[in-house]
PDB file of N, CA and C in Angstrom:
ATOM      1  N   MET A   1     -92.017 193.020 -36.826  1.00  0.00           N
ATOM      2  CA  MET A   1     -92.061 191.582 -37.022  1.00  0.00           C
ATOM      3  C   MET A   1     -91.624 190.913 -35.715  1.00  0.00           C
ATOM      4  N   SER A   2     -92.322 189.877 -35.326  1.00  0.00           N
ATOM      5  CA  SER A   2     -91.975 189.167 -34.100  1.00  0.00           C
ATOM      6  C   SER A   2     -90.798 188.214 -34.355  1.00  0.00           C
ATOM      7  N   ASN A   3     -90.181 187.752 -33.274  1.00  0.00           N
ATOM      8  CA  ASN A   3     -89.085 186.795 -33.399  1.00  0.00           C
ATOM      9  C   ASN A   3     -89.558 185.525 -34.105  1.00  0.00           C
ATOM     10  N   LYS A   4     -90.738 185.048 -33.755  1.00  0.00           N
ATOM     11  CA  LYS A   4     -91.271 183.830 -34.364  1.00  0.00           C
ATOM     12  C   LYS A   4     -91.510 184.022 -35.860  1.00  0.00           C
ATOM     13  N   GLU A   5     -92.117 185.151 -36.234  1.00  0.00           N
ATOM     14  CA  GLU A   5     -92.354 185.428 -37.658  1.00  0.00           C
ATOM     15  C   GLU A   5     -91.031 185.479 -38.418  1.00  0.00           C
ATOM     16  N   PHE A   6     -90.033 186.090 -37.797  1.00  0.00           N
ATOM     17  CA  PHE A   6     -88.719 186.198 -38.431  1.00  0.00           C
ATOM     18  C   PHE A   6     -88.101 184.811 -38.619  1.00  0.00           C
ATOM     19  N   LYS A   7     -88.109 184.012 -37.571  1.00  0.00           N
ATOM     20  CA  LYS A   7     -87.525 182.671 -37.664  1.00  0.00           C
ATOM     21  C   LYS A   7     -88.276 181.813 -38.687  1.00  0.00           C
ATOM     22  N   ASP A   8     -89.589 181.968 -38.740  1.00  0.00           N
ATOM     23  CA  ASP A   8     -90.372 181.248 -39.753  1.00  0.00           C
ATOM     24  C   ASP A   8     -89.958 181.681 -41.158  1.00  0.00           C
ATOM     25  N   ARG A   9     -89.686 182.967 -41.320  1.00  0.00           N
ATOM     26  CA  ARG A   9     -89.244 183.485 -42.622  1.00  0.00           C
ATOM     27  C   ARG A   9     -87.873 182.898 -42.983  1.00  0.00           C
ATOM     28  N   VAL A  10     -86.979 182.830 -42.018  1.00  0.00           N
ATOM     29  CA  VAL A  10     -85.660 182.229 -42.257  1.00  0.00           C
ATOM     30  C   VAL A  10     -85.825 180.772 -42.688  1.00  0.00           C
ATOM     31  N   LEU A  11     -86.674 180.036 -41.996  1.00  0.00           N
ATOM     32  CA  LEU A  11     -86.876 178.624 -42.331  1.00  0.00           C
ATOM     33  C   LEU A  11     -87.532 178.447 -43.696  1.00  0.00           C
ATOM     34  N   SER A  12     -88.429 179.363 -44.063  1.00  0.00           N
ATOM     35  CA  SER A  12     -89.032 179.309 -45.404  1.00  0.00           C
ATOM     36  C   SER A  12     -87.975 179.503 -46.477  1.00  0.00           C
ATOM     37  N   TRP A  13     -87.123 180.494 -46.282  1.00  0.00           N
ATOM     38  CA  TRP A  13     -86.040 180.733 -47.233  1.00  0.00           C
ATOM     39  C   TRP A  13     -85.070 179.551 -47.249  1.00  0.00           C
ATOM     40  N   ALA A  14     -84.793 178.977 -46.087  1.00  0.00           N
ATOM     41  CA  ALA A  14     -83.874 177.832 -46.023  1.00  0.00           C
ATOM     42  C   ALA A  14     -84.403 176.667 -46.858  1.00  0.00           C
ATOM     43  N   LYS A  15     -85.705 176.475 -46.817  1.00  0.00           N
ATOM     44  CA  LYS A  15     -86.316 175.408 -47.611  1.00  0.00           C
ATOM     45  C   LYS A  15     -86.162 175.696 -49.104  1.00  0.00           C
ATOM     46  N   ILE A  16     -86.380 176.945 -49.508  1.00  0.00           N
ATOM     47  CA  ILE A  16     -86.240 177.340 -50.913  1.00  0.00           C
ATOM     48  C   ILE A  16     -84.802 177.140 -51.386  1.00  0.00           C
ATOM     49  N   ILE A  17     -83.846 177.541 -50.551  1.00  0.00           N
ATOM     50  CA  ILE A  17     -82.427 177.474 -50.908  1.00  0.00           C
ATOM     51  C   ILE A  17     -81.875 176.058 -50.713  1.00  0.00           C
ATOM     52  N   ASN A  18     -82.630 175.235 -49.982  1.00  0.00           N
ATOM     53  CA  ASN A  18     -82.238 173.855 -49.705  1.00  0.00           C
ATOM     54  C   ASN A  18     -80.994 173.771 -48.824  1.00  0.00           C
ATOM     55  N   VAL A  19     -81.039 174.519 -47.719  1.00  0.00           N
ATOM     56  CA  VAL A  19     -79.997 174.453 -46.702  1.00  0.00           C
ATOM     57  C   VAL A  19     -80.672 174.231 -45.352  1.00  0.00           C
ATOM     58  N   ASN A  20     -79.875 173.822 -44.373  1.00  0.00           N
ATOM     59  CA  ASN A  20     -80.426 173.505 -43.060  1.00  0.00           C
ATOM     60  C   ASN A  20     -79.604 174.182 -41.958  1.00  0.00           C
ATOM     61  N   PRO A  21     -80.020 175.383 -41.528  1.00  0.00           N
ATOM     62  CA  PRO A  21     -79.284 176.020 -40.436  1.00  0.00           C
ATOM     63  C   PRO A  21     -79.438 175.205 -39.157  1.00  0.00           C
ATOM     64  N   LYS A  22     -78.362 175.065 -38.410  1.00  0.00           N
ATOM     65  CA  LYS A  22     -78.394 174.297 -37.167  1.00  0.00           C
ATOM     66  C   LYS A  22     -79.080 175.072 -36.040  1.00  0.00           C
ATOM     67  N   GLU A  23     -78.933 176.387 -36.078  1.00  0.00           N
ATOM     68  CA  GLU A  23     -79.520 177.235 -35.034  1.00  0.00           C
ATOM     69  C   GLU A  23     -79.764 178.622 -35.616  1.00  0.00           C
ATOM     70  N   ILE A  24     -80.838 179.262 -35.168  1.00  0.00           N
ATOM     71  CA  ILE A  24     -81.154 180.628 -35.579  1.00  0.00           C
ATOM     72  C   ILE A  24     -81.274 181.467 -34.321  1.00  0.00           C
ATOM     73  N   GLN A  25     -80.393 182.438 -34.189  1.00  0.00           N
ATOM     74  CA  GLN A  25     -80.408 183.332 -33.030  1.00  0.00           C
ATOM     75  C   GLN A  25     -80.789 184.736 -33.460  1.00  0.00           C
ATOM     76  N   ILE A  26     -81.515 185.407 -32.589  1.00  0.00           N
ATOM     77  CA  ILE A  26     -81.792 186.831 -32.767  1.00  0.00           C
ATOM     78  C   ILE A  26     -81.242 187.498 -31.515  1.00  0.00           C
ATOM     79  N   ARG A  27     -80.281 188.386 -31.701  1.00  0.00           N
ATOM     80  CA  ARG A  27     -79.632 188.991 -30.532  1.00  0.00           C
ATOM     81  C   ARG A  27     -79.137 190.392 -30.857  1.00  0.00           C
ATOM     82  N   LYS A  28     -78.744 191.073 -29.848  1.00  0.00           N
ATOM     83  CA  LYS A  28     -78.185 192.408 -30.026  1.00  0.00           C
ATOM     84  C   LYS A  28     -76.786 192.266 -30.627  1.00  0.00           C
ATOM     85  N   MET A  29     -76.556 192.983 -31.708  1.00  0.00           N
ATOM     86  CA  MET A  29     -75.251 192.979 -32.358  1.00  0.00           C
ATOM     87  C   MET A  29     -74.851 194.437 -32.585  1.00  0.00           C
ATOM     88  N   LYS A  30     -73.606 194.758 -32.333  1.00  0.00           N
ATOM     89  CA  LYS A  30     -73.162 196.151 -32.428  1.00  0.00           C
ATOM     90  C   LYS A  30     -72.794 196.579 -33.841  1.00  0.00           C
ATOM     91  N   ARG A  31     -72.187 195.680 -34.619  1.00  0.00           N
ATOM     92  CA  ARG A  31     -71.588 196.118 -35.884  1.00  0.00           C
ATOM     93  C   ARG A  31     -72.107 195.421 -37.128  1.00  0.00           C
ATOM     94  N   LYS A  32     -72.916 194.398 -36.979  1.00  0.00           N
ATOM     95  CA  LYS A  32     -73.351 193.625 -38.142  1.00  0.00           C
ATOM     96  C   LYS A  32     -74.856 193.448 -38.125  1.00  0.00           C
ATOM     97  N   TRP A  33     -75.402 193.162 -39.299  1.00  0.00           N
ATOM     98  CA  TRP A  33     -76.808 192.791 -39.382  1.00  0.00           C
ATOM     99  C   TRP A  33     -76.967 191.310 -39.093  1.00  0.00           C
ATOM    100  N   ALA A  34     -75.943 190.517 -39.429  1.00  0.00           N
ATOM    101  CA  ALA A  34     -76.043 189.075 -39.228  1.00  0.00           C
ATOM    102  C   ALA A  34     -74.671 188.434 -39.390  1.00  0.00           C
ATOM    103  N   SER A  35     -74.612 187.164 -38.978  1.00  0.00           N
ATOM    104  CA  SER A  35     -73.392 186.385 -39.191  1.00  0.00           C
ATOM    105  C   SER A  35     -73.753 184.911 -39.297  1.00  0.00           C
ATOM    106  N   CYS A  36     -72.822 184.157 -39.875  1.00  0.00           N
ATOM    107  CA  CYS A  36     -73.005 182.720 -40.062  1.00  0.00           C
ATOM    108  C   CYS A  36     -71.736 182.030 -39.580  1.00  0.00           C
ATOM    109  N   SER A  37     -71.875 181.118 -38.625  1.00  0.00           N
ATOM    110  CA  SER A  37     -70.697 180.405 -38.131  1.00  0.00           C
ATOM    111  C   SER A  37     -70.412 179.190 -39.021  1.00  0.00           C
ATOM    112  N   SER A  38     -69.213 178.665 -38.908  1.00  0.00           N
ATOM    113  CA  SER A  38     -68.821 177.515 -39.724  1.00  0.00           C
ATOM    114  C   SER A  38     -69.594 176.246 -39.349  1.00  0.00           C
ATOM    115  N   ASN A  39     -70.194 176.224 -38.153  1.00  0.00           N
ATOM    116  CA  ASN A  39     -70.974 175.041 -37.763  1.00  0.00           C
ATOM    117  C   ASN A  39     -72.472 175.201 -38.052  1.00  0.00           C
ATOM    118  N   GLY A  40     -72.862 176.251 -38.788  1.00  0.00           N
ATOM    119  CA  GLY A  40     -74.240 176.382 -39.232  1.00  0.00           C
ATOM    120  C   GLY A  40     -75.152 177.216 -38.355  1.00  0.00           C
ATOM    121  N   ARG A  41     -74.586 177.953 -37.407  1.00  0.00           N
ATOM    122  CA  ARG A  41     -75.394 178.827 -36.558  1.00  0.00           C
ATOM    123  C   ARG A  41     -75.530 180.198 -37.218  1.00  0.00           C
ATOM    124  N   LEU A  42     -76.781 180.634 -37.398  1.00  0.00           N
ATOM    125  CA  LEU A  42     -77.054 181.962 -37.943  1.00  0.00           C
ATOM    126  C   LEU A  42     -77.445 182.882 -36.798  1.00  0.00           C
ATOM    127  N   SER A  43     -76.826 184.045 -36.761  1.00  0.00           N
ATOM    128  CA  SER A  43     -77.158 185.065 -35.765  1.00  0.00           C
ATOM    129  C   SER A  43     -77.611 186.310 -36.506  1.00  0.00           C
ATOM    130  N   PHE A  44     -78.738 186.857 -36.064  1.00  0.00           N
ATOM    131  CA  PHE A  44     -79.301 188.054 -36.685  1.00  0.00           C
ATOM    132  C   PHE A  44     -79.442 189.152 -35.650  1.00  0.00           C
ATOM    133  N   ASN A  45     -79.139 190.355 -36.062  1.00  0.00           N
ATOM    134  CA  ASN A  45     -79.277 191.534 -35.214  1.00  0.00           C
ATOM    135  C   ASN A  45     -80.756 191.780 -34.933  1.00  0.00           C
ATOM    136  N   GLU A  46     -81.104 191.984 -33.668  1.00  0.00           N
ATOM    137  CA  GLU A  46     -82.509 192.200 -33.310  1.00  0.00           C
ATOM    138  C   GLU A  46     -83.090 193.444 -33.990  1.00  0.00           C
ATOM    139  N   GLU A  47     -82.257 194.395 -34.354  1.00  0.00           N
ATOM    140  CA  GLU A  47     -82.731 195.600 -35.037  1.00  0.00           C
ATOM    141  C   GLU A  47     -83.210 195.309 -36.462  1.00  0.00           C
ATOM    142  N   LEU A  48     -82.823 194.164 -36.994  1.00  0.00           N
ATOM    143  CA  LEU A  48     -83.246 193.778 -38.338  1.00  0.00           C
ATOM    144  C   LEU A  48     -84.761 193.614 -38.418  1.00  0.00           C
ATOM    145  N   LEU A  49     -85.381 193.212 -37.323  1.00  0.00           N
ATOM    146  CA  LEU A  49     -86.818 192.960 -37.305  1.00  0.00           C
ATOM    147  C   LEU A  49     -87.653 194.211 -37.556  1.00  0.00           C
ATOM    148  N   CYS A  50     -87.045 195.374 -37.462  1.00  0.00           N
ATOM    149  CA  CYS A  50     -87.748 196.643 -37.690  1.00  0.00           C
ATOM    150  C   CYS A  50     -87.472 197.219 -39.077  1.00  0.00           C
ATOM    151  N   GLN A  51     -86.768 196.483 -39.912  1.00  0.00           N
ATOM    152  CA  GLN A  51     -86.402 196.973 -41.238  1.00  0.00           C
ATOM    153  C   GLN A  51     -87.449 196.537 -42.273  1.00  0.00           C
ATOM    154  N   SER A  52     -87.282 197.009 -43.506  1.00  0.00           N
ATOM    155  CA  SER A  52     -88.203 196.660 -44.590  1.00  0.00           C
ATOM    156  C   SER A  52     -88.073 195.172 -44.932  1.00  0.00           C
ATOM    157  N   LEU A  53     -89.137 194.594 -45.452  1.00  0.00           N
ATOM    158  CA  LEU A  53     -89.108 193.175 -45.836  1.00  0.00           C
ATOM    159  C   LEU A  53     -88.054 192.892 -46.897  1.00  0.00           C
ATOM    160  N   GLU A  54     -87.857 193.829 -47.805  1.00  0.00           N
ATOM    161  CA  GLU A  54     -86.854 193.646 -48.853  1.00  0.00           C
ATOM    162  C   GLU A  54     -85.462 193.506 -48.241  1.00  0.00           C
ATOM    163  N   PHE A  55     -85.158 194.361 -47.270  1.00  0.00           N
ATOM    164  CA  PHE A  55     -83.845 194.308 -46.627  1.00  0.00           C
ATOM    165  C   PHE A  55     -83.717 193.054 -45.772  1.00  0.00           C
ATOM    166  N   ILE A  56     -84.787 192.715 -45.050  1.00  0.00           N
ATOM    167  CA  ILE A  56     -84.784 191.494 -44.236  1.00  0.00           C
ATOM    168  C   ILE A  56     -84.492 190.285 -45.117  1.00  0.00           C
ATOM    169  N   ASP A  57     -85.191 190.183 -46.246  1.00  0.00           N
ATOM    170  CA  ASP A  57     -84.971 189.056 -47.158  1.00  0.00           C
ATOM    171  C   ASP A  57     -83.546 189.035 -47.680  1.00  0.00           C
ATOM    172  N   TYR A  58     -83.003 190.204 -48.008  1.00  0.00           N
ATOM    173  CA  TYR A  58     -81.621 190.268 -48.482  1.00  0.00           C
ATOM    174  C   TYR A  58     -80.668 189.681 -47.435  1.00  0.00           C
ATOM    175  N   VAL A  59     -80.809 190.103 -46.197  1.00  0.00           N
ATOM    176  CA  VAL A  59     -79.910 189.634 -45.126  1.00  0.00           C
ATOM    177  C   VAL A  59     -80.104 188.138 -44.890  1.00  0.00           C
ATOM    178  N   ILE A  60     -81.343 187.681 -44.864  1.00  0.00           N
ATOM    179  CA  ILE A  60     -81.615 186.254 -44.650  1.00  0.00           C
ATOM    180  C   ILE A  60     -80.994 185.416 -45.759  1.00  0.00           C
ATOM    181  N   VAL A  61     -81.265 185.770 -46.999  1.00  0.00           N
ATOM    182  CA  VAL A  61     -80.733 185.001 -48.131  1.00  0.00           C
ATOM    183  C   VAL A  61     -79.210 185.040 -48.124  1.00  0.00           C
ATOM    184  N   HIS A  62     -78.644 186.197 -47.862  1.00  0.00           N
ATOM    185  CA  HIS A  62     -77.188 186.351 -47.796  1.00  0.00           C
ATOM    186  C   HIS A  62     -76.589 185.358 -46.797  1.00  0.00           C
ATOM    187  N   GLU A  63     -77.132 185.330 -45.592  1.00  0.00           N
ATOM    188  CA  GLU A  63     -76.572 184.449 -44.564  1.00  0.00           C
ATOM    189  C   GLU A  63     -76.833 182.976 -44.870  1.00  0.00           C
ATOM    190  N   LEU A  64     -78.005 182.644 -45.356  1.00  0.00           N
ATOM    191  CA  LEU A  64     -78.283 181.248 -45.693  1.00  0.00           C
ATOM    192  C   LEU A  64     -77.360 180.744 -46.799  1.00  0.00           C
ATOM    193  N   LEU A  65     -77.052 181.589 -47.756  1.00  0.00           N
ATOM    194  CA  LEU A  65     -76.144 181.177 -48.831  1.00  0.00           C
ATOM    195  C   LEU A  65     -74.742 180.883 -48.310  1.00  0.00           C
ATOM    196  N   HIS A  66     -74.372 181.502 -47.194  1.00  0.00           N
ATOM    197  CA  HIS A  66     -73.062 181.211 -46.605  1.00  0.00           C
ATOM    198  C   HIS A  66     -72.979 179.778 -46.089  1.00  0.00           C
ATOM    199  N   LEU A  67     -74.105 179.136 -45.867  1.00  0.00           N
ATOM    200  CA  LEU A  67     -74.075 177.727 -45.476  1.00  0.00           C
ATOM    201  C   LEU A  67     -73.607 176.853 -46.634  1.00  0.00           C
ATOM    202  N   ARG A  68     -73.774 177.342 -47.843  1.00  0.00           N
ATOM    203  CA  ARG A  68     -73.346 176.610 -49.031  1.00  0.00           C
ATOM    204  C   ARG A  68     -72.046 177.183 -49.612  1.00  0.00           C
ATOM    205  N   TYR A  69     -71.923 178.503 -49.579  1.00  0.00           N
ATOM    206  CA  TYR A  69     -70.748 179.198 -50.131  1.00  0.00           C
ATOM    207  C   TYR A  69     -70.153 180.083 -49.042  1.00  0.00           C
ATOM    208  N   PRO A  70     -69.098 179.636 -48.373  1.00  0.00           N
ATOM    209  CA  PRO A  70     -68.549 180.392 -47.238  1.00  0.00           C
ATOM    210  C   PRO A  70     -68.014 181.789 -47.592  1.00  0.00           C
ATOM    211  N   THR A  71     -67.545 181.967 -48.814  1.00  0.00           N
ATOM    212  CA  THR A  71     -66.990 183.267 -49.194  1.00  0.00           C
ATOM    213  C   THR A  71     -67.916 183.964 -50.189  1.00  0.00           C
ATOM    214  N   HIS A  72     -67.606 185.235 -50.448  1.00  0.00           N
ATOM    215  CA  HIS A  72     -68.395 186.012 -51.417  1.00  0.00           C
ATOM    216  C   HIS A  72     -67.827 185.816 -52.829  1.00  0.00           C
ATOM    217  N   ASN A  73     -67.758 184.556 -53.241  1.00  0.00           N
ATOM    218  CA  ASN A  73     -67.212 184.272 -54.569  1.00  0.00           C
ATOM    219  C   ASN A  73     -68.264 184.527 -55.650  1.00  0.00           C
ATOM    220  N   LYS A  74     -67.901 184.261 -56.885  1.00  0.00           N
ATOM    221  CA  LYS A  74     -68.816 184.539 -58.005  1.00  0.00           C
ATOM    222  C   LYS A  74     -70.122 183.764 -57.888  1.00  0.00           C
ATOM    223  N   MET A  75     -70.038 182.495 -57.497  1.00  0.00           N
ATOM    224  CA  MET A  75     -71.242 181.683 -57.372  1.00  0.00           C
ATOM    225  C   MET A  75     -72.156 182.231 -56.269  1.00  0.00           C
ATOM    226  N   PHE A  76     -71.568 182.642 -55.157  1.00  0.00           N
ATOM    227  CA  PHE A  76     -72.347 183.237 -54.073  1.00  0.00           C
ATOM    228  C   PHE A  76     -73.119 184.451 -54.589  1.00  0.00           C
ATOM    229  N   LYS A  77     -72.429 185.340 -55.268  1.00  0.00           N
ATOM    230  CA  LYS A  77     -73.063 186.566 -55.767  1.00  0.00           C
ATOM    231  C   LYS A  77     -74.135 186.257 -56.810  1.00  0.00           C
ATOM    232  N   LEU A  78     -73.868 185.300 -57.668  1.00  0.00           N
ATOM    233  CA  LEU A  78     -74.841 184.901 -58.680  1.00  0.00           C
ATOM    234  C   LEU A  78     -76.106 184.338 -58.028  1.00  0.00           C
ATOM    235  N   MET A  79     -75.935 183.443 -57.076  1.00  0.00           N
ATOM    236  CA  MET A  79     -77.089 182.832 -56.406  1.00  0.00           C
ATOM    237  C   MET A  79     -77.870 183.866 -55.589  1.00  0.00           C
ATOM    238  N   LEU A  80     -77.186 184.793 -54.977  1.00  0.00           N
ATOM    239  CA  LEU A  80     -77.847 185.861 -54.230  1.00  0.00           C
ATOM    240  C   LEU A  80     -78.748 186.662 -55.167  1.00  0.00           C
ATOM    241  N   ASP A  81     -78.226 187.036 -56.312  1.00  0.00           N
ATOM    242  CA  ASP A  81     -79.014 187.789 -57.300  1.00  0.00           C
ATOM    243  C   ASP A  81     -80.219 186.980 -57.779  1.00  0.00           C
ATOM    244  N   ILE A  82     -80.008 185.713 -58.055  1.00  0.00           N
ATOM    245  CA  ILE A  82     -81.095 184.869 -58.561  1.00  0.00           C
ATOM    246  C   ILE A  82     -82.223 184.758 -57.535  1.00  0.00           C
ATOM    247  N   TYR A  83     -81.890 184.439 -56.298  1.00  0.00           N
ATOM    248  CA  TYR A  83     -82.933 184.275 -55.280  1.00  0.00           C
ATOM    249  C   TYR A  83     -83.667 185.577 -55.001  1.00  0.00           C
ATOM    250  N   LEU A  84     -82.951 186.680 -54.974  1.00  0.00           N
ATOM    251  CA  LEU A  84     -83.607 187.959 -54.678  1.00  0.00           C
ATOM    252  C   LEU A  84     -84.490 188.414 -55.839  1.00  0.00           C
ATOM    253  N   LYS A  85     -84.090 188.114 -57.060  1.00  0.00           N
ATOM    254  CA  LYS A  85     -84.950 188.446 -58.225  1.00  0.00           C
ATOM    255  C   LYS A  85     -86.210 187.592 -58.213  1.00  0.00           C
ATOM    256  N   GLU A  86     -86.089 186.329 -57.815  1.00  0.00           N
ATOM    257  CA  GLU A  86     -87.260 185.460 -57.707  1.00  0.00           C
ATOM    258  C   GLU A  86     -88.208 185.983 -56.630  1.00  0.00           C
ATOM    259  N   ALA A  87     -87.664 186.486 -55.537  1.00  0.00           N
ATOM    260  CA  ALA A  87     -88.494 187.045 -54.463  1.00  0.00           C
ATOM    261  C   ALA A  87     -89.286 188.246 -54.975  1.00  0.00           C
ATOM    262  N   GLU A  88     -88.667 189.058 -55.824  1.00  0.00           N
ATOM    263  CA  GLU A  88     -89.360 190.218 -56.392  1.00  0.00           C
ATOM    264  C   GLU A  88     -90.518 189.773 -57.283  1.00  0.00           C
ATOM    265  N   LYS A  89     -90.317 188.717 -58.059  1.00  0.00           N
ATOM    266  CA  LYS A  89     -91.367 188.217 -58.946  1.00  0.00           C
ATOM    267  C   LYS A  89     -92.570 187.730 -58.148  1.00  0.00           C
ATOM    268  N   ILE A  90     -92.322 187.092 -57.026  1.00  0.00           N
ATOM    269  CA  ILE A  90     -93.395 186.543 -56.196  1.00  0.00           C
ATOM    270  C   ILE A  90     -94.253 187.661 -55.629  1.00  0.00           C
ATOM    271  N   LYS A  91     -93.640 188.762 -55.278  1.00  0.00           N
ATOM    272  CA  LYS A  91     -94.377 189.892 -54.712  1.00  0.00           C
ATOM    273  C   LYS A  91     -95.258 190.474 -55.768  1.00  0.00           C
TER     274      LYS A  91
END
């Protein structure tokens, strides 16, 4: 997947989730697949682009939800499950 295709996918998910990331970065990361800063910057590991679409979607949705729910609380986990199940139905 190209960087542009990946960023377009992030923006598509952002529209579905109704959040607005301030910046989307794709960069080399040593220990994480992605991160979300408190000011709305999403950073994704460049190695993610070579993974399965299911895993890519999981990481994207996970990070986008942090724009609304900063911690892994019950609501975060519930919304993550809901969005990922909807993605499965669409496929």
